[in-house]
Amino acid sequence: MNRKLEEGIEALGLSRDFLPLLYKYLEEIELFNPAYGLVKVKDQDELVVKHLLDSLAPAGIISKLAEKNRNTPKPNGTSSAPLIADAGSGAGLPGIPLAICLPNVQFTLIERMGRRAGFLRDAIAVLGLSNVTVEEAEMEKAEPARFDIIVFRAFRPLELPILKGLFHLLKPGGVLAAYKGRQQAVEEEMTGAEKLMPALAGNWESIPLEVPFLEEERRLVVMRA
């Protein structure tokens, strides 16, 4: 039992029903972290707060974005489950915690490093997650125009090749959702991104997040194609 995980889930308005899978995922990271170097943390509480709860802080926002896409009619008149990619997934953050807590959304974890992709496949199998797949590939070589939403924590700063690669993977009307820190740093980074990609001007917003037990400013930057 981890008090911060349990209290944090409640503070974020998420169901305690997700706790068993979150604990199992936590165990998998702790088991393989010494050999694979998945995350840099000093103890379990830091892993819970800076990685699991941080990943889940925008779950409500991402759920609403996904539902909006689910309700958008497709060209053939049908609807389908929204598809979210976690680009540069690493240890599966934020993709696996989000997939646990958003079971009606399909996730693809894109990871170029073979050992980490192997860890992701093993973790998904252990957790029994039917709404997650792993794609071992460089972002630039992945099949384009597939995803409704792309989430990521990995890319700092947002350079032009990264932006082009991410937008290349989005369906028309899709959104990028970037986990970021202080608003001042966000504004500086996005000013640079707008110069690199003028179409971003006026097409992004920075949404404040509350991460339980974390005394650092966190924001979700939503960018539209």
C-alpha atoms as a PDB file:
ATOM      1  CA  MET A   1       0.000   0.000   0.000  1.00  0.00           C
ATOM      2  CA  ASN A   2       1.196   3.500  -0.816  1.00  0.00           C
ATOM      3  CA  ARG A   3      -0.667   6.291   0.956  1.00  0.00           C
ATOM      4  CA  LYS A   4       0.226   8.939  -1.630  1.00  0.00           C
ATOM      5  CA  LEU A   5      -1.012   6.813  -4.511  1.00  0.00           C
ATOM      6  CA  GLU A   6      -4.319   6.052  -2.805  1.00  0.00           C
ATOM      7  CA  GLU A   7      -4.948   9.615  -1.623  1.00  0.00           C
ATOM      8  CA  GLY A   8      -3.720  11.009  -4.942  1.00  0.00           C
ATOM      9  CA  ILE A   9      -6.162   8.910  -6.967  1.00  0.00           C
ATOM     10  CA  GLU A  10      -9.029  10.167  -4.824  1.00  0.00           C
ATOM     11  CA  ALA A  11      -7.821  13.785  -5.108  1.00  0.00           C
ATOM     12  CA  LEU A  12      -7.840  13.454  -8.905  1.00  0.00           C
ATOM     13  CA  GLY A  13     -11.416  12.141  -8.840  1.00  0.00           C
ATOM     14  CA  LEU A  14     -10.444   8.741 -10.219  1.00  0.00           C
ATOM     15  CA  SER A  15     -11.966   5.450  -9.123  1.00  0.00           C
ATOM     16  CA  ARG A  16     -10.199   3.307  -6.526  1.00  0.00           C
ATOM     17  CA  ASP A  17     -11.074   0.379  -8.793  1.00  0.00           C
ATOM     18  CA  PHE A  18      -7.983   1.298 -10.819  1.00  0.00           C
ATOM     19  CA  LEU A  19      -5.623   0.886  -7.851  1.00  0.00           C
ATOM     20  CA  PRO A  20      -4.856  -2.853  -8.255  1.00  0.00           C
ATOM     21  CA  LEU A  21      -3.566  -2.339 -11.812  1.00  0.00           C
ATOM     22  CA  LEU A  22      -1.681   0.812 -10.844  1.00  0.00           C
ATOM     23  CA  TYR A  23       0.028  -1.106  -8.023  1.00  0.00           C
ATOM     24  CA  LYS A  24       0.914  -3.922 -10.398  1.00  0.00           C
ATOM     25  CA  TYR A  25       2.389  -1.417 -12.857  1.00  0.00           C
ATOM     26  CA  LEU A  26       4.331   0.201 -10.031  1.00  0.00           C
ATOM     27  CA  GLU A  27       5.769  -3.206  -9.137  1.00  0.00           C
ATOM     28  CA  GLU A  28       6.830  -3.816 -12.753  1.00  0.00           C
ATOM     29  CA  ILE A  29       8.701  -0.519 -12.924  1.00  0.00           C
ATOM     30  CA  GLU A  30      10.442  -1.170  -9.602  1.00  0.00           C
ATOM     31  CA  LEU A  31      11.367  -4.703 -10.700  1.00  0.00           C
ATOM     32  CA  PHE A  32      12.948  -3.714 -14.022  1.00  0.00           C
ATOM     33  CA  ASN A  33      14.196  -0.208 -13.237  1.00  0.00           C
ATOM     34  CA  PRO A  34      17.637  -1.268 -11.908  1.00  0.00           C
ATOM     35  CA  ALA A  35      18.453  -3.126 -15.140  1.00  0.00           C
ATOM     36  CA  TYR A  36      16.656  -0.910 -17.668  1.00  0.00           C
ATOM     37  CA  GLY A  37      17.065   2.577 -16.177  1.00  0.00           C
ATOM     38  CA  LEU A  38      13.404   3.404 -16.835  1.00  0.00           C
ATOM     39  CA  VAL A  39      13.055   6.327 -14.408  1.00  0.00           C
ATOM     40  CA  LYS A  40      15.349   8.267 -12.084  1.00  0.00           C
ATOM     41  CA  VAL A  41      13.812   8.267  -8.611  1.00  0.00           C
ATOM     42  CA  LYS A  42      15.130   7.934  -5.076  1.00  0.00           C
ATOM     43  CA  ASP A  43      12.166   6.039  -3.610  1.00  0.00           C
ATOM     44  CA  GLN A  44       8.663   4.732  -4.275  1.00  0.00           C
ATOM     45  CA  ASP A  45       6.931   7.941  -3.165  1.00  0.00           C
ATOM     46  CA  GLU A  46       8.872   9.944  -5.764  1.00  0.00           C
ATOM     47  CA  LEU A  47       7.946   7.396  -8.419  1.00  0.00           C
ATOM     48  CA  VAL A  48       4.284   7.640  -7.438  1.00  0.00           C
ATOM     49  CA  VAL A  49       4.114  11.442  -7.314  1.00  0.00           C
ATOM     50  CA  LYS A  50       6.437  12.531 -10.118  1.00  0.00           C
ATOM     51  CA  HIS A  51       5.464   9.809 -12.553  1.00  0.00           C
ATOM     52  CA  LEU A  52       2.164   8.022 -11.845  1.00  0.00           C
ATOM     53  CA  LEU A  53       0.162  10.922 -10.390  1.00  0.00           C
ATOM     54  CA  ASP A  54       1.809  13.383 -12.777  1.00  0.00           C
ATOM     55  CA  SER A  55       0.768  11.157 -15.696  1.00  0.00           C
ATOM     56  CA  LEU A  56      -2.806  10.980 -14.408  1.00  0.00           C
ATOM     57  CA  ALA A  57      -3.274  14.658 -13.500  1.00  0.00           C
ATOM     58  CA  PRO A  58      -4.791  15.559 -16.932  1.00  0.00           C
ATOM     59  CA  ALA A  59      -6.814  12.327 -17.245  1.00  0.00           C
ATOM     60  CA  GLY A  60     -10.094  14.250 -17.098  1.00  0.00           C
ATOM     61  CA  ILE A  61      -8.975  16.689 -19.794  1.00  0.00           C
ATOM     62  CA  ILE A  62      -7.710  13.906 -22.052  1.00  0.00           C
ATOM     63  CA  SER A  63     -10.925  11.942 -21.494  1.00  0.00           C
ATOM     64  CA  LYS A  64     -12.988  14.950 -22.653  1.00  0.00           C
ATOM     65  CA  LEU A  65     -10.783  15.394 -25.733  1.00  0.00           C
ATOM     66  CA  ALA A  66     -11.224  11.697 -26.509  1.00  0.00           C
ATOM     67  CA  GLU A  67     -14.994  11.820 -26.047  1.00  0.00           C
ATOM     68  CA  LYS A  68     -15.232  14.841 -28.323  1.00  0.00           C
ATOM     69  CA  ASN A  69     -13.482  12.839 -31.019  1.00  0.00           C
ATOM     70  CA  ARG A  70     -15.639   9.783 -30.358  1.00  0.00           C
ATOM     71  CA  ASN A  71     -18.721  11.907 -30.983  1.00  0.00           C
ATOM     72  CA  THR A  72     -17.384  13.390 -34.215  1.00  0.00           C
ATOM     73  CA  PRO A  73     -18.986  11.585 -37.203  1.00  0.00           C
ATOM     74  CA  LYS A  74     -16.519   9.729 -39.405  1.00  0.00           C
ATOM     75  CA  PRO A  75     -16.609  10.126 -43.217  1.00  0.00           C
ATOM     76  CA  ASN A  76     -18.475   6.817 -43.578  1.00  0.00           C
ATOM     77  CA  GLY A  77     -21.028   7.807 -40.949  1.00  0.00           C
ATOM     78  CA  THR A  78     -19.691   5.432 -38.297  1.00  0.00           C
ATOM     79  CA  SER A  79     -17.987   6.108 -34.996  1.00  0.00           C
ATOM     80  CA  SER A  80     -15.016   4.378 -33.426  1.00  0.00           C
ATOM     81  CA  ALA A  81     -13.019   4.451 -30.224  1.00  0.00           C
ATOM     82  CA  PRO A  82     -10.559   7.357 -30.173  1.00  0.00           C
ATOM     83  CA  LEU A  83      -6.931   6.387 -30.653  1.00  0.00           C
ATOM     84  CA  ILE A  84      -4.238   7.993 -28.522  1.00  0.00           C
ATOM     85  CA  ALA A  85      -0.497   7.655 -29.028  1.00  0.00           C
ATOM     86  CA  ASP A  86       2.099   8.086 -26.302  1.00  0.00           C
ATOM     87  CA  ALA A  87       5.127   9.277 -28.272  1.00  0.00           C
ATOM     88  CA  GLY A  88       8.520   8.441 -26.804  1.00  0.00           C
ATOM     89  CA  SER A  89       6.784   6.305 -24.206  1.00  0.00           C
ATOM     90  CA  GLY A  90       9.889   5.077 -22.346  1.00  0.00           C
ATOM     91  CA  ALA A  91       8.593   3.353 -19.223  1.00  0.00           C
ATOM     92  CA  GLY A  92       5.009   3.742 -20.440  1.00  0.00           C
ATOM     93  CA  LEU A  93       4.492   7.179 -18.946  1.00  0.00           C
ATOM     94  CA  PRO A  94       1.938   8.664 -19.339  1.00  0.00           C
ATOM     95  CA  GLY A  95       0.388   6.063 -21.663  1.00  0.00           C
ATOM     96  CA  ILE A  96      -0.020   3.074 -19.333  1.00  0.00           C
ATOM     97  CA  PRO A  97      -1.500   4.940 -16.330  1.00  0.00           C
ATOM     98  CA  LEU A  98      -3.887   6.738 -18.693  1.00  0.00           C
ATOM     99  CA  ALA A  99      -4.853   3.457 -20.380  1.00  0.00           C
ATOM    100  CA  ILE A 100      -5.591   1.903 -16.975  1.00  0.00           C
ATOM    101  CA  CYS A 101      -7.885   4.781 -16.007  1.00  0.00           C
ATOM    102  CA  LEU A 102      -9.422   5.312 -19.482  1.00  0.00           C
ATOM    103  CA  PRO A 103     -10.281   1.702 -20.415  1.00  0.00           C
ATOM    104  CA  ASN A 104     -12.621   2.724 -23.269  1.00  0.00           C
ATOM    105  CA  VAL A 105      -9.847   4.505 -25.176  1.00  0.00           C
ATOM    106  CA  GLN A 106      -7.276   2.737 -27.377  1.00  0.00           C
ATOM    107  CA  PHE A 107      -3.601   3.555 -26.780  1.00  0.00           C
ATOM    108  CA  THR A 108      -0.453   2.972 -28.837  1.00  0.00           C
ATOM    109  CA  LEU A 109       2.895   3.326 -27.083  1.00  0.00           C
ATOM    110  CA  ILE A 110       5.563   4.443 -29.557  1.00  0.00           C
ATOM    111  CA  GLU A 111       9.092   3.657 -28.367  1.00  0.00           C
ATOM    112  CA  ARG A 112      12.231   3.384 -30.517  1.00  0.00           C
ATOM    113  CA  MET A 113      14.506   1.640 -27.977  1.00  0.00           C
ATOM    114  CA  GLY A 114      14.197  -2.146 -28.176  1.00  0.00           C
ATOM    115  CA  ARG A 115      14.756  -2.931 -24.488  1.00  0.00           C
ATOM    116  CA  ARG A 116      12.190  -0.406 -23.369  1.00  0.00           C
ATOM    117  CA  ALA A 117       9.713  -1.577 -25.993  1.00  0.00           C
ATOM    118  CA  GLY A 118      10.244  -5.083 -24.622  1.00  0.00           C
ATOM    119  CA  PHE A 119       9.508  -3.852 -21.101  1.00  0.00           C
ATOM    120  CA  LEU A 120       6.308  -2.200 -22.352  1.00  0.00           C
ATOM    121  CA  ARG A 121       5.106  -5.411 -24.002  1.00  0.00           C
ATOM    122  CA  ASP A 122       5.817  -7.395 -20.859  1.00  0.00           C
ATOM    123  CA  ALA A 123       4.072  -4.837 -18.642  1.00  0.00           C
ATOM    124  CA  ILE A 124       0.985  -4.802 -20.857  1.00  0.00           C
ATOM    125  CA  ALA A 125       0.837  -8.598 -20.742  1.00  0.00           C
ATOM    126  CA  VAL A 126       1.216  -8.703 -16.952  1.00  0.00           C
ATOM    127  CA  LEU A 127      -1.460  -6.033 -16.519  1.00  0.00           C
ATOM    128  CA  GLY A 128      -3.775  -7.672 -19.050  1.00  0.00           C
ATOM    129  CA  LEU A 129      -4.462  -4.379 -20.831  1.00  0.00           C
ATOM    130  CA  SER A 130      -6.490  -5.068 -23.963  1.00  0.00           C
ATOM    131  CA  ASN A 131      -6.626  -1.384 -24.970  1.00  0.00           C
ATOM    132  CA  VAL A 132      -2.869  -0.915 -25.425  1.00  0.00           C
ATOM    133  CA  THR A 133      -0.407  -1.866 -28.151  1.00  0.00           C
ATOM    134  CA  VAL A 134       3.308  -1.165 -28.512  1.00  0.00           C
ATOM    135  CA  GLU A 135       4.954   0.132 -31.670  1.00  0.00           C
ATOM    136  CA  GLU A 136       8.732  -0.192 -31.716  1.00  0.00           C
ATOM    137  CA  ALA A 137       9.678   2.534 -34.165  1.00  0.00           C
ATOM    138  CA  GLU A 138      11.191   5.946 -34.586  1.00  0.00           C
ATOM    139  CA  MET A 139       8.454   8.548 -34.620  1.00  0.00           C
ATOM    140  CA  GLU A 140       9.474   9.795 -38.059  1.00  0.00           C
ATOM    141  CA  LYS A 141       9.077   6.300 -39.559  1.00  0.00           C
ATOM    142  CA  ALA A 142       5.719   5.438 -37.984  1.00  0.00           C
ATOM    143  CA  GLU A 143       2.647   5.201 -40.191  1.00  0.00           C
ATOM    144  CA  PRO A 144       1.135   8.706 -40.580  1.00  0.00           C
ATOM    145  CA  ALA A 145      -2.301  10.242 -39.955  1.00  0.00           C
ATOM    146  CA  ARG A 146      -3.566   7.601 -37.506  1.00  0.00           C
ATOM    147  CA  PHE A 147      -4.074   9.219 -34.135  1.00  0.00           C
ATOM    148  CA  ASP A 148      -6.737  11.479 -32.687  1.00  0.00           C
ATOM    149  CA  ILE A 149      -4.544  12.592 -29.781  1.00  0.00           C
ATOM    150  CA  ILE A 150      -0.822  12.332 -29.112  1.00  0.00           C
ATOM    151  CA  VAL A 151       0.407  12.699 -25.538  1.00  0.00           C
ATOM    152  CA  PHE A 152       4.043  13.062 -24.564  1.00  0.00           C
ATOM    153  CA  ARG A 153       6.354  13.978 -21.724  1.00  0.00           C
ATOM    154  CA  ALA A 154       9.588  13.283 -23.562  1.00  0.00           C
ATOM    155  CA  PHE A 155      10.343  16.189 -25.881  1.00  0.00           C
ATOM    156  CA  ARG A 156      12.050  19.325 -24.576  1.00  0.00           C
ATOM    157  CA  PRO A 157      12.308  21.683 -26.346  1.00  0.00           C
ATOM    158  CA  LEU A 158       9.816  21.412 -29.200  1.00  0.00           C
ATOM    159  CA  GLU A 159      12.118  21.606 -32.189  1.00  0.00           C
ATOM    160  CA  LEU A 160      10.857  21.713 -35.774  1.00  0.00           C
ATOM    161  CA  PRO A 161      11.666  18.064 -36.690  1.00  0.00           C
ATOM    162  CA  ILE A 162       9.822  16.919 -33.553  1.00  0.00           C
ATOM    163  CA  LEU A 163       6.793  19.103 -34.251  1.00  0.00           C
ATOM    164  CA  LYS A 164       6.611  17.953 -37.864  1.00  0.00           C
ATOM    165  CA  GLY A 165       6.975  14.328 -36.800  1.00  0.00           C
ATOM    166  CA  LEU A 166       4.209  14.595 -34.213  1.00  0.00           C
ATOM    167  CA  PHE A 167       1.740  16.403 -36.461  1.00  0.00           C
ATOM    168  CA  HIS A 168       2.548  13.910 -39.224  1.00  0.00           C
ATOM    169  CA  LEU A 169       1.063  11.167 -37.029  1.00  0.00           C
ATOM    170  CA  LEU A 170      -2.197  13.025 -36.297  1.00  0.00           C
ATOM    171  CA  LYS A 171      -5.454  12.631 -38.145  1.00  0.00           C
ATOM    172  CA  PRO A 172      -6.984  15.879 -39.478  1.00  0.00           C
ATOM    173  CA  GLY A 173      -8.428  17.734 -36.506  1.00  0.00           C
ATOM    174  CA  GLY A 174      -6.243  15.844 -34.037  1.00  0.00           C
ATOM    175  CA  VAL A 175      -4.465  17.386 -31.062  1.00  0.00           C
ATOM    176  CA  LEU A 176      -1.087  17.197 -29.364  1.00  0.00           C
ATOM    177  CA  ALA A 177      -1.130  17.174 -25.554  1.00  0.00           C
ATOM    178  CA  ALA A 178       2.268  17.977 -24.035  1.00  0.00           C
ATOM    179  CA  TYR A 179       3.079  17.631 -20.344  1.00  0.00           C
ATOM    180  CA  LYS A 180       4.973  20.769 -19.329  1.00  0.00           C
ATOM    181  CA  GLY A 181       6.059  22.772 -16.278  1.00  0.00           C
ATOM    182  CA  ARG A 182       6.050  26.481 -15.451  1.00  0.00           C
ATOM    183  CA  GLN A 183       3.860  28.802 -17.507  1.00  0.00           C
ATOM    184  CA  GLN A 184       6.767  31.167 -18.166  1.00  0.00           C
ATOM    185  CA  ALA A 185       8.790  28.321 -19.652  1.00  0.00           C
ATOM    186  CA  VAL A 186       5.741  27.185 -21.661  1.00  0.00           C
ATOM    187  CA  GLU A 187       5.302  30.663 -23.156  1.00  0.00           C
ATOM    188  CA  GLU A 188       8.981  30.867 -24.079  1.00  0.00           C
ATOM    189  CA  GLU A 189       8.951  27.408 -25.646  1.00  0.00           C
ATOM    190  CA  MET A 190       5.734  28.010 -27.555  1.00  0.00           C
ATOM    191  CA  THR A 191       6.941  31.385 -28.828  1.00  0.00           C
ATOM    192  CA  GLY A 192       9.871  29.532 -30.344  1.00  0.00           C
ATOM    193  CA  ALA A 193       7.579  26.805 -31.669  1.00  0.00           C
ATOM    194  CA  GLU A 194       5.332  29.380 -33.361  1.00  0.00           C
ATOM    195  CA  LYS A 195       8.344  30.830 -35.169  1.00  0.00           C
ATOM    196  CA  LEU A 196       9.252  27.360 -36.407  1.00  0.00           C
ATOM    197  CA  MET A 197       5.664  26.453 -37.305  1.00  0.00           C
ATOM    198  CA  PRO A 198       3.524  29.597 -37.831  1.00  0.00           C
ATOM    199  CA  ALA A 199       0.309  27.534 -38.075  1.00  0.00           C
ATOM    200  CA  LEU A 200       0.550  27.020 -34.301  1.00  0.00           C
ATOM    201  CA  ALA A 201      -0.063  30.713 -33.601  1.00  0.00           C
ATOM    202  CA  GLY A 202      -3.366  31.031 -31.755  1.00  0.00           C
ATOM    203  CA  ASN A 203      -3.945  27.267 -31.946  1.00  0.00           C
ATOM    204  CA  TRP A 204      -2.681  26.198 -28.546  1.00  0.00           C
ATOM    205  CA  GLU A 205      -3.645  26.584 -24.913  1.00  0.00           C
ATOM    206  CA  SER A 206      -1.851  25.994 -21.630  1.00  0.00           C
ATOM    207  CA  ILE A 207      -4.057  24.339 -19.005  1.00  0.00           C
ATOM    208  CA  PRO A 208      -2.976  24.349 -15.323  1.00  0.00           C
ATOM    209  CA  LEU A 209      -2.795  20.975 -13.584  1.00  0.00           C
ATOM    210  CA  GLU A 210      -2.841  19.991  -9.923  1.00  0.00           C
ATOM    211  CA  VAL A 211      -0.611  17.002  -9.186  1.00  0.00           C
ATOM    212  CA  PRO A 212      -1.263  15.718  -5.647  1.00  0.00           C
ATOM    213  CA  PHE A 213       1.772  16.069  -3.337  1.00  0.00           C
ATOM    214  CA  LEU A 214       3.830  17.833  -6.021  1.00  0.00           C
ATOM    215  CA  GLU A 215       4.922  21.365  -5.176  1.00  0.00           C
ATOM    216  CA  GLU A 216       5.851  22.216  -8.738  1.00  0.00           C
ATOM    217  CA  GLU A 217       3.864  23.996 -11.429  1.00  0.00           C
ATOM    218  CA  ARG A 218       2.534  21.613 -14.054  1.00  0.00           C
ATOM    219  CA  ARG A 219       0.550  22.340 -17.194  1.00  0.00           C
ATOM    220  CA  LEU A 220      -0.901  20.512 -20.178  1.00  0.00           C
ATOM    221  CA  VAL A 221      -0.249  22.289 -23.473  1.00  0.00           C
ATOM    222  CA  VAL A 222      -2.865  21.369 -26.064  1.00  0.00           C
ATOM    223  CA  MET A 223      -1.899  22.096 -29.678  1.00  0.00           C
ATOM    224  CA  ARG A 224      -4.254  21.697 -32.624  1.00  0.00           C
ATOM    225  CA  ALA A 225      -3.331  20.594 -36.118  1.00  0.00           C
END
